[in-house]
Amino acid sequence: TGNPSTLASDNLSVLPTANPSVLPTANISAANHFGNGFVVLSKIPHDPTSFTQGLVYANGVLYESTGLYRKSKVRRLEISTGATLTSVNLDDQYFGEGLAFYPKNNTLVQVTWKKRTGFVYDAISLEELYTFKFSTGRNEGWGITYYPITNTFIVSDGSDQLHFWDVNLFKETGRVTVKWPDGRTLDNLNELEYDPVTNNVLSNVWMEDHVVAICPLTGIIQADIDLSSLWPYNERPRSADVLNGISTTDVMGEYLFTGKKW
């Protein structure tokens, strides 16, 4: 993302880094966002072979779920260096997708793409505790996040629907259609992250360099955050895929964004 000052606009104040010229070459960016804009604060190294599907911060570390058949993993990452602390491979039949942290029992919940199978892990050791079967409108898993307001998981399946799941049974308790304020629906909802600042859910939109903030109770989009300048498409190597991966941190109003093979 280069020099953060290049992201300045008339209504956006840039938060300076200590010395932008010595930021590591990396592709997880920490940012603050205000309304529909954002300010890049720093960058963290990221494994460019990781096909990032889920990203979540807890216990002082960053957890990542990666996809692709025979390459899917769940990892614990050191937050400041991006170094892998623990890594667990999924069986070859599974294509890893979204990942959520459940604070009430310190576990991670991961969904897979087409096998309608989810995994629950101990968040400290990444030991697999058990598996479960699930269904969505499309019977696919894309994104998942924990929503503490209603003590539910919210799940996406690439459609315009957000699915609410019971936290113990992983069964649907309801769903909401995601719409723009003018009533148009928005599909391709992908990775999800609960935002404690606004109580909205942030969602990647597959194949778009945008993140939308959604009121999960109504489905109405509250903000459309353009992240195309985070790592412009024409500056990415051919190996880099689309923007995907959102996490909050322990600093309110700070967010981590990355992409598949960034």
C-alpha atoms as a PDB file:
ATOM      1  CA  THR A   1       0.000   0.000   0.000  1.00  0.00           C
ATOM      2  CA  GLY A   2       3.035   2.246  -0.130  1.00  0.00           C
ATOM      3  CA  ASN A   3       2.871   5.688   1.466  1.00  0.00           C
ATOM      4  CA  PRO A   4      -0.292   6.136   3.574  1.00  0.00           C
ATOM      5  CA  SER A   5      -0.395   9.822   2.702  1.00  0.00           C
ATOM      6  CA  THR A   6      -1.458   8.945  -0.836  1.00  0.00           C
ATOM      7  CA  LEU A   7      -4.812   7.841   0.601  1.00  0.00           C
ATOM      8  CA  ALA A   8      -5.656  11.287   1.965  1.00  0.00           C
ATOM      9  CA  SER A   9      -8.754  13.117   0.813  1.00  0.00           C
ATOM     10  CA  ASP A  10     -10.572  16.289   1.838  1.00  0.00           C
ATOM     11  CA  ASN A  11     -12.599  14.472   4.521  1.00  0.00           C
ATOM     12  CA  LEU A  12     -10.036  11.908   5.645  1.00  0.00           C
ATOM     13  CA  SER A  13      -7.217  12.496   8.113  1.00  0.00           C
ATOM     14  CA  VAL A  14      -4.201  10.240   7.683  1.00  0.00           C
ATOM     15  CA  LEU A  15      -2.787   8.722  10.839  1.00  0.00           C
ATOM     16  CA  PRO A  16       1.011   8.782  10.461  1.00  0.00           C
ATOM     17  CA  THR A  17       3.131   5.702  10.987  1.00  0.00           C
ATOM     18  CA  ALA A  18       6.446   6.009  12.785  1.00  0.00           C
ATOM     19  CA  ASN A  19       8.393   5.656   9.561  1.00  0.00           C
ATOM     20  CA  PRO A  20       6.443   4.487   6.516  1.00  0.00           C
ATOM     21  CA  SER A  21       9.628   3.933   4.556  1.00  0.00           C
ATOM     22  CA  VAL A  22      10.621   0.964   6.711  1.00  0.00           C
ATOM     23  CA  LEU A  23       7.286  -0.851   6.731  1.00  0.00           C
ATOM     24  CA  PRO A  24       7.801  -4.528   5.815  1.00  0.00           C
ATOM     25  CA  THR A  25       6.772  -5.745   2.394  1.00  0.00           C
ATOM     26  CA  ALA A  26       3.511  -7.396   3.300  1.00  0.00           C
ATOM     27  CA  ASN A  27      -0.086  -7.830   2.450  1.00  0.00           C
ATOM     28  CA  ILE A  28      -2.133  -7.647   5.605  1.00  0.00           C
ATOM     29  CA  SER A  29      -2.948  -4.017   6.228  1.00  0.00           C
ATOM     30  CA  ALA A  30      -4.128  -2.481   9.478  1.00  0.00           C
ATOM     31  CA  ALA A  31      -6.531   0.375   8.931  1.00  0.00           C
ATOM     32  CA  ASN A  32      -8.987   2.671  10.625  1.00  0.00           C
ATOM     33  CA  HIS A  33     -12.161   3.471   8.727  1.00  0.00           C
ATOM     34  CA  PHE A  34     -14.366   6.477   9.155  1.00  0.00           C
ATOM     35  CA  GLY A  35     -17.683   6.345   7.318  1.00  0.00           C
ATOM     36  CA  ASN A  36     -16.802   5.134   3.837  1.00  0.00           C
ATOM     37  CA  GLY A  37     -13.055   5.869   3.978  1.00  0.00           C
ATOM     38  CA  PHE A  38     -10.015   4.312   5.623  1.00  0.00           C
ATOM     39  CA  VAL A  39      -6.501   5.166   6.736  1.00  0.00           C
ATOM     40  CA  VAL A  40      -3.661   2.650   6.419  1.00  0.00           C
ATOM     41  CA  LEU A  41      -1.714   2.420   9.673  1.00  0.00           C
ATOM     42  CA  SER A  42       0.777  -0.370   9.012  1.00  0.00           C
ATOM     43  CA  LYS A  43       1.358  -3.652   7.205  1.00  0.00           C
ATOM     44  CA  ILE A  44       2.007  -7.144   8.508  1.00  0.00           C
ATOM     45  CA  PRO A  45       3.769  -9.895   6.561  1.00  0.00           C
ATOM     46  CA  HIS A  46       1.452 -12.542   5.119  1.00  0.00           C
ATOM     47  CA  ASP A  47       2.143 -15.906   3.481  1.00  0.00           C
ATOM     48  CA  PRO A  48       1.424 -15.316  -0.240  1.00  0.00           C
ATOM     49  CA  THR A  49       0.515 -19.000  -0.676  1.00  0.00           C
ATOM     50  CA  SER A  50      -2.431 -18.633   1.733  1.00  0.00           C
ATOM     51  CA  PHE A  51      -5.775 -18.631  -0.066  1.00  0.00           C
ATOM     52  CA  THR A  52      -7.366 -16.627   2.746  1.00  0.00           C
ATOM     53  CA  GLN A  53     -10.994 -17.465   3.494  1.00  0.00           C
ATOM     54  CA  GLY A  54     -11.432 -16.459   7.118  1.00  0.00           C
ATOM     55  CA  LEU A  55      -9.574 -14.112   9.455  1.00  0.00           C
ATOM     56  CA  VAL A  56     -10.280 -13.457  13.141  1.00  0.00           C
ATOM     57  CA  TYR A  57      -8.349 -11.991  16.085  1.00  0.00           C
ATOM     58  CA  ALA A  58      -8.548 -13.413  19.623  1.00  0.00           C
ATOM     59  CA  ASN A  59      -6.276 -14.398  22.504  1.00  0.00           C
ATOM     60  CA  GLY A  60      -3.639 -11.967  21.264  1.00  0.00           C
ATOM     61  CA  VAL A  61      -3.119 -13.842  17.985  1.00  0.00           C
ATOM     62  CA  LEU A  62      -4.576 -13.852  14.500  1.00  0.00           C
ATOM     63  CA  TYR A  63      -6.388 -16.949  13.262  1.00  0.00           C
ATOM     64  CA  GLU A  64      -6.646 -17.704   9.564  1.00  0.00           C
ATOM     65  CA  SER A  65      -8.611 -20.257   7.570  1.00  0.00           C
ATOM     66  CA  THR A  66      -7.331 -20.992   4.074  1.00  0.00           C
ATOM     67  CA  GLY A  67      -8.975 -22.711   1.130  1.00  0.00           C
ATOM     68  CA  LEU A  68      -8.338 -24.834  -1.969  1.00  0.00           C
ATOM     69  CA  TYR A  69      -8.565 -28.602  -2.044  1.00  0.00           C
ATOM     70  CA  ARG A  70      -5.526 -30.369  -0.563  1.00  0.00           C
ATOM     71  CA  LYS A  71      -4.204 -27.015   0.673  1.00  0.00           C
ATOM     72  CA  SER A  72      -6.785 -25.924   3.263  1.00  0.00           C
ATOM     73  CA  LYS A  73      -5.527 -25.074   6.750  1.00  0.00           C
ATOM     74  CA  VAL A  74      -6.330 -23.389  10.034  1.00  0.00           C
ATOM     75  CA  ARG A  75      -3.461 -21.338  11.463  1.00  0.00           C
ATOM     76  CA  ARG A  76      -2.504 -19.315  14.515  1.00  0.00           C
ATOM     77  CA  LEU A  77      -0.407 -16.322  13.438  1.00  0.00           C
ATOM     78  CA  GLU A  78       1.772 -13.948  15.431  1.00  0.00           C
ATOM     79  CA  ILE A  79       0.003 -10.621  15.052  1.00  0.00           C
ATOM     80  CA  SER A  80       3.040  -8.372  14.547  1.00  0.00           C
ATOM     81  CA  THR A  81       5.166 -10.588  12.282  1.00  0.00           C
ATOM     82  CA  GLY A  82       2.637 -12.845  10.557  1.00  0.00           C
ATOM     83  CA  ALA A  83       4.709 -15.874  11.588  1.00  0.00           C
ATOM     84  CA  THR A  84       2.839 -19.173  11.819  1.00  0.00           C
ATOM     85  CA  LEU A  85       2.616 -20.409  15.405  1.00  0.00           C
ATOM     86  CA  THR A  86       0.426 -23.466  14.798  1.00  0.00           C
ATOM     87  CA  SER A  87      -1.018 -24.933  11.625  1.00  0.00           C
ATOM     88  CA  VAL A  88      -3.520 -27.751  11.084  1.00  0.00           C
ATOM     89  CA  ASN A  89      -4.289 -29.264   7.683  1.00  0.00           C
ATOM     90  CA  LEU A  90      -7.797 -30.198   6.624  1.00  0.00           C
ATOM     91  CA  ASP A  91      -8.396 -33.530   4.929  1.00  0.00           C
ATOM     92  CA  ASP A  92      -7.991 -33.319   1.167  1.00  0.00           C
ATOM     93  CA  GLN A  93     -11.742 -33.594   0.530  1.00  0.00           C
ATOM     94  CA  TYR A  94     -12.454 -30.283   2.251  1.00  0.00           C
ATOM     95  CA  PHE A  95     -12.168 -26.749   0.885  1.00  0.00           C
ATOM     96  CA  GLY A  96     -11.775 -24.470   3.905  1.00  0.00           C
ATOM     97  CA  GLU A  97     -13.905 -21.341   4.165  1.00  0.00           C
ATOM     98  CA  GLY A  98     -14.880 -18.870   6.913  1.00  0.00           C
ATOM     99  CA  LEU A  99     -13.706 -18.910  10.531  1.00  0.00           C
ATOM    100  CA  ALA A 100     -15.271 -17.494  13.702  1.00  0.00           C
ATOM    101  CA  PHE A 101     -14.119 -17.241  17.317  1.00  0.00           C
ATOM    102  CA  TYR A 102     -16.647 -18.171  19.999  1.00  0.00           C
ATOM    103  CA  PRO A 103     -15.535 -16.480  23.244  1.00  0.00           C
ATOM    104  CA  LYS A 104     -17.838 -18.351  25.615  1.00  0.00           C
ATOM    105  CA  ASN A 105     -15.821 -21.567  25.334  1.00  0.00           C
ATOM    106  CA  ASN A 106     -12.656 -20.331  23.580  1.00  0.00           C
ATOM    107  CA  THR A 107     -13.256 -22.258  20.380  1.00  0.00           C
ATOM    108  CA  LEU A 108     -12.971 -21.640  16.655  1.00  0.00           C
ATOM    109  CA  VAL A 109     -15.724 -22.619  14.240  1.00  0.00           C
ATOM    110  CA  GLN A 110     -14.822 -23.234  10.608  1.00  0.00           C
ATOM    111  CA  VAL A 111     -17.148 -23.897   7.679  1.00  0.00           C
ATOM    112  CA  THR A 112     -16.251 -25.637   4.430  1.00  0.00           C
ATOM    113  CA  TRP A 113     -17.411 -24.872   0.930  1.00  0.00           C
ATOM    114  CA  LYS A 114     -19.489 -27.723  -0.515  1.00  0.00           C
ATOM    115  CA  LYS A 115     -19.286 -30.589   1.968  1.00  0.00           C
ATOM    116  CA  ARG A 116     -21.835 -29.060   4.394  1.00  0.00           C
ATOM    117  CA  THR A 117     -19.352 -29.889   7.147  1.00  0.00           C
ATOM    118  CA  GLY A 118     -18.022 -27.637   9.886  1.00  0.00           C
ATOM    119  CA  PHE A 119     -15.212 -28.050  12.395  1.00  0.00           C
ATOM    120  CA  VAL A 120     -14.826 -26.863  15.969  1.00  0.00           C
ATOM    121  CA  TYR A 121     -11.286 -26.375  17.322  1.00  0.00           C
ATOM    122  CA  ASP A 122      -9.760 -25.520  20.649  1.00  0.00           C
ATOM    123  CA  ALA A 123      -8.500 -21.975  20.080  1.00  0.00           C
ATOM    124  CA  ILE A 124      -5.260 -22.494  21.995  1.00  0.00           C
ATOM    125  CA  SER A 125      -4.042 -25.823  20.618  1.00  0.00           C
ATOM    126  CA  LEU A 126      -6.085 -25.981  17.370  1.00  0.00           C
ATOM    127  CA  GLU A 127      -7.056 -29.500  18.392  1.00  0.00           C
ATOM    128  CA  GLU A 128     -10.143 -30.568  16.468  1.00  0.00           C
ATOM    129  CA  LEU A 129     -12.896 -31.092  19.046  1.00  0.00           C
ATOM    130  CA  TYR A 130     -15.718 -32.250  16.791  1.00  0.00           C
ATOM    131  CA  THR A 131     -17.399 -31.821  13.411  1.00  0.00           C
ATOM    132  CA  PHE A 132     -20.967 -30.924  12.534  1.00  0.00           C
ATOM    133  CA  LYS A 133     -23.249 -30.888   9.508  1.00  0.00           C
ATOM    134  CA  PHE A 134     -24.954 -27.705   8.347  1.00  0.00           C
ATOM    135  CA  SER A 135     -27.250 -26.342   5.679  1.00  0.00           C
ATOM    136  CA  THR A 136     -27.732 -22.915   4.091  1.00  0.00           C
ATOM    137  CA  GLY A 137     -29.876 -21.648   1.252  1.00  0.00           C
ATOM    138  CA  ARG A 138     -27.255 -22.785  -1.253  1.00  0.00           C
ATOM    139  CA  ASN A 139     -25.912 -25.564   0.982  1.00  0.00           C
ATOM    140  CA  GLU A 140     -22.485 -23.974   0.861  1.00  0.00           C
ATOM    141  CA  GLY A 141     -20.355 -22.307   3.515  1.00  0.00           C
ATOM    142  CA  TRP A 142     -18.572 -19.039   2.686  1.00  0.00           C
ATOM    143  CA  GLY A 143     -18.229 -16.757   5.718  1.00  0.00           C
ATOM    144  CA  ILE A 144     -19.031 -16.968   9.423  1.00  0.00           C
ATOM    145  CA  THR A 145     -18.799 -14.597  12.383  1.00  0.00           C
ATOM    146  CA  TYR A 146     -20.039 -14.556  15.966  1.00  0.00           C
ATOM    147  CA  TYR A 147     -22.729 -11.952  16.670  1.00  0.00           C
ATOM    148  CA  PRO A 148     -22.794 -11.275  20.428  1.00  0.00           C
ATOM    149  CA  ILE A 149     -25.890  -9.080  20.343  1.00  0.00           C
ATOM    150  CA  THR A 150     -28.097 -12.150  19.811  1.00  0.00           C
ATOM    151  CA  ASN A 151     -25.529 -14.819  20.779  1.00  0.00           C
ATOM    152  CA  THR A 152     -25.660 -16.386  17.341  1.00  0.00           C
ATOM    153  CA  PHE A 153     -23.355 -17.172  14.459  1.00  0.00           C
ATOM    154  CA  ILE A 154     -24.021 -15.350  11.195  1.00  0.00           C
ATOM    155  CA  VAL A 155     -23.161 -17.293   8.044  1.00  0.00           C
ATOM    156  CA  SER A 156     -22.954 -16.408   4.344  1.00  0.00           C
ATOM    157  CA  ASP A 157     -23.184 -18.766   1.381  1.00  0.00           C
ATOM    158  CA  GLY A 158     -22.368 -16.500  -1.577  1.00  0.00           C
ATOM    159  CA  SER A 159     -25.977 -15.387  -1.949  1.00  0.00           C
ATOM    160  CA  ASP A 160     -27.740 -12.245  -0.715  1.00  0.00           C
ATOM    161  CA  GLN A 161     -28.704 -13.975   2.541  1.00  0.00           C
ATOM    162  CA  LEU A 162     -27.236 -13.860   6.035  1.00  0.00           C
ATOM    163  CA  HIS A 163     -28.118 -17.000   7.992  1.00  0.00           C
ATOM    164  CA  PHE A 164     -28.402 -16.982  11.799  1.00  0.00           C
ATOM    165  CA  TRP A 165     -27.288 -20.158  13.585  1.00  0.00           C
ATOM    166  CA  ASP A 166     -27.791 -21.433  17.100  1.00  0.00           C
ATOM    167  CA  VAL A 167     -24.351 -21.403  18.739  1.00  0.00           C
ATOM    168  CA  ASN A 168     -24.709 -24.914  20.166  1.00  0.00           C
ATOM    169  CA  LEU A 169     -26.604 -26.792  17.468  1.00  0.00           C
ATOM    170  CA  PHE A 170     -25.341 -24.931  14.346  1.00  0.00           C
ATOM    171  CA  LYS A 171     -28.917 -24.956  13.075  1.00  0.00           C
ATOM    172  CA  GLU A 172     -30.558 -22.029  11.324  1.00  0.00           C
ATOM    173  CA  THR A 173     -32.799 -19.860  13.475  1.00  0.00           C
ATOM    174  CA  GLY A 174     -33.506 -17.209  10.846  1.00  0.00           C
ATOM    175  CA  ARG A 175     -32.120 -15.299   7.917  1.00  0.00           C
ATOM    176  CA  VAL A 176     -32.177 -11.819   6.444  1.00  0.00           C
ATOM    177  CA  THR A 177     -31.824 -10.537   2.878  1.00  0.00           C
ATOM    178  CA  VAL A 178     -29.033  -7.992   2.379  1.00  0.00           C
ATOM    179  CA  LYS A 179     -30.177  -4.896   0.509  1.00  0.00           C
ATOM    180  CA  TRP A 180     -29.023  -1.450  -0.436  1.00  0.00           C
ATOM    181  CA  PRO A 181     -31.152   1.355   1.032  1.00  0.00           C
ATOM    182  CA  ASP A 182     -33.003   1.614  -2.299  1.00  0.00           C
ATOM    183  CA  GLY A 183     -34.093  -2.036  -2.077  1.00  0.00           C
ATOM    184  CA  ARG A 184     -31.641  -3.632  -4.502  1.00  0.00           C
ATOM    185  CA  THR A 185     -30.224  -6.904  -3.170  1.00  0.00           C
ATOM    186  CA  LEU A 186     -26.489  -7.676  -2.957  1.00  0.00           C
ATOM    187  CA  ASP A 187     -25.251 -11.210  -3.499  1.00  0.00           C
ATOM    188  CA  ASN A 188     -21.760 -12.769  -3.454  1.00  0.00           C
ATOM    189  CA  LEU A 189     -21.471 -12.036   0.275  1.00  0.00           C
ATOM    190  CA  ASN A 190     -18.276 -13.711   1.414  1.00  0.00           C
ATOM    191  CA  GLU A 191     -16.052 -13.365   4.498  1.00  0.00           C
ATOM    192  CA  LEU A 192     -17.818 -11.856   7.521  1.00  0.00           C
ATOM    193  CA  GLU A 193     -16.679  -9.989  10.631  1.00  0.00           C
ATOM    194  CA  TYR A 194     -18.678  -8.477  13.477  1.00  0.00           C
ATOM    195  CA  ASP A 195     -17.779  -4.834  14.090  1.00  0.00           C
ATOM    196  CA  PRO A 196     -18.117  -3.927  17.791  1.00  0.00           C
ATOM    197  CA  VAL A 197     -17.876  -0.207  17.025  1.00  0.00           C
ATOM    198  CA  THR A 198     -21.134  -0.114  15.075  1.00  0.00           C
ATOM    199  CA  ASN A 199     -22.694  -3.544  15.818  1.00  0.00           C
ATOM    200  CA  ASN A 200     -22.797  -4.041  12.058  1.00  0.00           C
ATOM    201  CA  VAL A 201     -21.379  -7.026  10.215  1.00  0.00           C
ATOM    202  CA  LEU A 202     -18.643  -6.306   7.688  1.00  0.00           C
ATOM    203  CA  SER A 203     -18.673  -8.447   4.552  1.00  0.00           C
ATOM    204  CA  ASN A 204     -16.327  -8.945   1.664  1.00  0.00           C
ATOM    205  CA  VAL A 205     -18.082  -9.076  -1.699  1.00  0.00           C
ATOM    206  CA  TRP A 206     -16.569 -11.793  -3.872  1.00  0.00           C
ATOM    207  CA  MET A 207     -14.594 -10.415  -6.818  1.00  0.00           C
ATOM    208  CA  GLU A 208     -14.965  -6.836  -5.566  1.00  0.00           C
ATOM    209  CA  ASP A 209     -12.478  -4.564  -3.781  1.00  0.00           C
ATOM    210  CA  HIS A 210     -15.288  -3.350  -1.539  1.00  0.00           C
ATOM    211  CA  VAL A 211     -16.420  -4.179   1.991  1.00  0.00           C
ATOM    212  CA  VAL A 212     -20.003  -3.480   3.003  1.00  0.00           C
ATOM    213  CA  ALA A 213     -21.244  -2.802   6.521  1.00  0.00           C
ATOM    214  CA  ILE A 214     -24.593  -4.502   7.102  1.00  0.00           C
ATOM    215  CA  CYS A 215     -27.118  -4.086   9.896  1.00  0.00           C
ATOM    216  CA  PRO A 216     -27.738  -7.787  10.618  1.00  0.00           C
ATOM    217  CA  LEU A 217     -31.151  -7.148  12.150  1.00  0.00           C
ATOM    218  CA  THR A 218     -32.558  -5.509   9.000  1.00  0.00           C
ATOM    219  CA  GLY A 219     -30.115  -6.555   6.261  1.00  0.00           C
ATOM    220  CA  ILE A 220     -29.787  -2.937   5.145  1.00  0.00           C
ATOM    221  CA  ILE A 221     -26.301  -1.886   4.008  1.00  0.00           C
ATOM    222  CA  GLN A 222     -25.059   0.995   6.159  1.00  0.00           C
ATOM    223  CA  ALA A 223     -21.776   1.749   4.371  1.00  0.00           C
ATOM    224  CA  ASP A 224     -19.838   0.754   1.271  1.00  0.00           C
ATOM    225  CA  ILE A 225     -16.092   0.909   1.908  1.00  0.00           C
ATOM    226  CA  ASP A 226     -13.987   1.167  -1.253  1.00  0.00           C
ATOM    227  CA  LEU A 227     -10.681  -0.653  -0.654  1.00  0.00           C
ATOM    228  CA  SER A 228      -9.487  -0.607  -4.257  1.00  0.00           C
ATOM    229  CA  SER A 229      -6.561   1.639  -3.315  1.00  0.00           C
ATOM    230  CA  LEU A 230      -5.400  -0.725  -0.558  1.00  0.00           C
ATOM    231  CA  TRP A 231      -3.454  -2.768  -3.105  1.00  0.00           C
ATOM    232  CA  PRO A 232      -4.469  -1.613  -6.593  1.00  0.00           C
ATOM    233  CA  TYR A 233      -5.280  -4.412  -8.992  1.00  0.00           C
ATOM    234  CA  ASN A 234      -2.739  -3.237 -11.555  1.00  0.00           C
ATOM    235  CA  GLU A 235       0.038  -3.425  -8.929  1.00  0.00           C
ATOM    236  CA  ARG A 236      -0.666  -6.993  -7.826  1.00  0.00           C
ATOM    237  CA  PRO A 237       1.335  -9.919  -9.178  1.00  0.00           C
ATOM    238  CA  ARG A 238      -0.584 -12.394 -11.302  1.00  0.00           C
ATOM    239  CA  SER A 239      -0.437 -14.892  -8.434  1.00  0.00           C
ATOM    240  CA  ALA A 240      -2.500 -12.633  -6.143  1.00  0.00           C
ATOM    241  CA  ASP A 241      -6.247 -13.230  -6.077  1.00  0.00           C
ATOM    242  CA  VAL A 242      -9.133 -11.119  -4.798  1.00  0.00           C
ATOM    243  CA  LEU A 243      -9.568  -9.070  -1.635  1.00  0.00           C
ATOM    244  CA  ASN A 244     -10.815 -11.371   1.146  1.00  0.00           C
ATOM    245  CA  GLY A 245     -10.265 -11.431   4.892  1.00  0.00           C
ATOM    246  CA  ILE A 246     -11.439  -9.004   7.571  1.00  0.00           C
ATOM    247  CA  SER A 247     -10.612  -8.927  11.264  1.00  0.00           C
ATOM    248  CA  THR A 248     -10.991  -6.503  14.114  1.00  0.00           C
ATOM    249  CA  THR A 249      -8.167  -6.215  16.656  1.00  0.00           C
ATOM    250  CA  ASP A 250      -8.031  -5.348  20.357  1.00  0.00           C
ATOM    251  CA  VAL A 251      -7.966  -1.663  19.351  1.00  0.00           C
ATOM    252  CA  MET A 252     -11.488  -0.349  18.806  1.00  0.00           C
ATOM    253  CA  GLY A 253     -11.900   1.028  15.313  1.00  0.00           C
ATOM    254  CA  GLU A 254      -8.873  -0.819  13.914  1.00  0.00           C
ATOM    255  CA  TYR A 255      -9.295  -3.506  11.255  1.00  0.00           C
ATOM    256  CA  LEU A 256      -7.131  -5.952   9.335  1.00  0.00           C
ATOM    257  CA  PHE A 257      -7.741  -6.589   5.640  1.00  0.00           C
ATOM    258  CA  THR A 258      -6.024  -9.014   3.293  1.00  0.00           C
ATOM    259  CA  GLY A 259      -6.727 -11.147   0.231  1.00  0.00           C
ATOM    260  CA  LYS A 260      -6.366 -14.581  -1.254  1.00  0.00           C
ATOM    261  CA  LYS A 261      -2.654 -15.187  -1.874  1.00  0.00           C
ATOM    262  CA  TRP A 262      -1.758 -11.627  -0.831  1.00  0.00           C
END
